[in-house]
């Protein structure tokens, strides 16, 4: 349900309707559903927006990758978070 609302709002109004918390919840939902690629796409959209990708956003993306055993990507995100 949360991802459907996210998709509908994005389609109707673009990314300008979202705040960082909305992106993080979408990243978490994709991770929980075993869709790390979609979680990363959402995280990259967050990074490309004018919103700062908080530690919580990095954690959600790292967890989505780690859960799906995408360790190289998870470690890369961890390094990026440390560099922020």
Protein backbone atom coordinates (compact mmCIF):
# COMPACT_ATOMS: atom_id res chain seq x y z
CA UNK A 1 0.00 0.00 0.00
CA UNK A 2 2.79 2.46 0.91
CA UNK A 3 4.59 1.85 -2.37
CA UNK A 4 1.37 2.36 -4.34
CA UNK A 5 0.82 5.72 -2.66
CA UNK A 6 4.45 6.67 -3.36
CA UNK A 7 4.11 5.69 -7.03
CA UNK A 8 0.81 7.51 -7.46
CA UNK A 9 2.11 10.71 -5.89
CA UNK A 10 5.30 10.58 -7.95
CA UNK A 11 3.39 10.02 -11.19
CA UNK A 12 0.94 12.82 -10.46
CA UNK A 13 3.18 15.46 -8.97
CA UNK A 14 6.78 14.40 -9.49
CA UNK A 15 9.41 14.22 -6.77
CA UNK A 16 8.62 17.66 -5.41
CA UNK A 17 5.88 16.18 -3.21
CA UNK A 18 8.19 14.01 -1.18
CA UNK A 19 10.31 14.68 1.84
CA UNK A 20 13.22 12.53 2.97
CA UNK A 21 11.04 10.46 5.32
CA UNK A 22 8.78 9.42 2.42
CA UNK A 23 11.78 8.25 0.40
CA UNK A 24 13.17 6.34 3.38
CA UNK A 25 9.87 4.52 3.92
CA UNK A 26 9.76 3.57 0.23
CA UNK A 27 13.36 2.30 0.44
CA UNK A 28 12.46 0.26 3.52
CA UNK A 29 9.37 -1.17 1.86
CA UNK A 30 11.31 -2.23 -1.23
CA UNK A 31 13.93 -3.83 1.01
CA UNK A 32 11.31 -5.68 3.04
CA UNK A 33 9.80 -7.01 -0.17
CA UNK A 34 13.18 -8.28 -1.34
CA UNK A 35 13.60 -5.70 -4.09
CA UNK A 36 17.07 -4.24 -3.51
CA UNK A 37 17.33 -2.80 -7.02
CA UNK A 38 14.13 -0.80 -6.51
CA UNK A 39 15.37 0.28 -3.07
CA UNK A 40 18.60 1.54 -4.67
CA UNK A 41 16.70 3.32 -7.44
CA UNK A 42 14.63 5.11 -4.82
CA UNK A 43 17.74 5.98 -2.82
CA UNK A 44 19.42 7.37 -5.93
CA UNK A 45 16.34 9.46 -6.63
CA UNK A 46 16.62 10.80 -3.07
CA UNK A 47 20.29 11.62 -3.66
CA UNK A 48 19.45 13.42 -6.91
CA UNK A 49 16.76 15.52 -5.24
CA UNK A 50 17.44 18.64 -3.24
CA UNK A 51 16.89 16.62 -0.06
CA UNK A 52 19.91 15.40 1.89
CA UNK A 53 20.22 11.59 2.10
CA UNK A 54 20.34 11.25 5.87
CA UNK A 55 22.02 8.49 7.79
CA UNK A 56 18.59 6.89 8.09
CA UNK A 57 18.32 6.83 4.28
CA UNK A 58 21.75 5.26 3.93
CA UNK A 59 20.87 2.70 6.60
CA UNK A 60 17.66 1.72 4.82
CA UNK A 61 19.48 1.29 1.50
CA UNK A 62 22.35 -0.65 3.11
CA UNK A 63 19.90 -2.93 4.90
CA UNK A 64 17.98 -3.59 1.65
CA UNK A 65 21.22 -4.60 -0.07
CA UNK A 66 22.56 -6.63 2.83
CA UNK A 67 19.31 -8.54 3.22
CA UNK A 68 19.51 -9.53 -0.44
CA UNK A 69 23.23 -10.39 -0.03
CA UNK A 70 24.38 -7.60 -2.33
CA UNK A 71 27.41 -7.04 -0.11
CA UNK A 72 29.59 -5.03 -2.52
CA UNK A 73 26.84 -2.46 -2.99
CA UNK A 74 26.09 -2.39 0.74
CA UNK A 75 29.77 -1.79 1.54
CA UNK A 76 29.98 0.93 -1.10
CA UNK A 77 26.98 2.70 0.44
CA UNK A 78 28.57 2.39 3.86
CA UNK A 79 31.71 4.09 2.56
CA UNK A 80 29.60 6.82 0.94
CA UNK A 81 27.78 7.40 4.22
CA UNK A 82 31.10 7.72 6.05
CA UNK A 83 32.30 10.24 3.47
CA UNK A 84 29.20 12.43 3.87
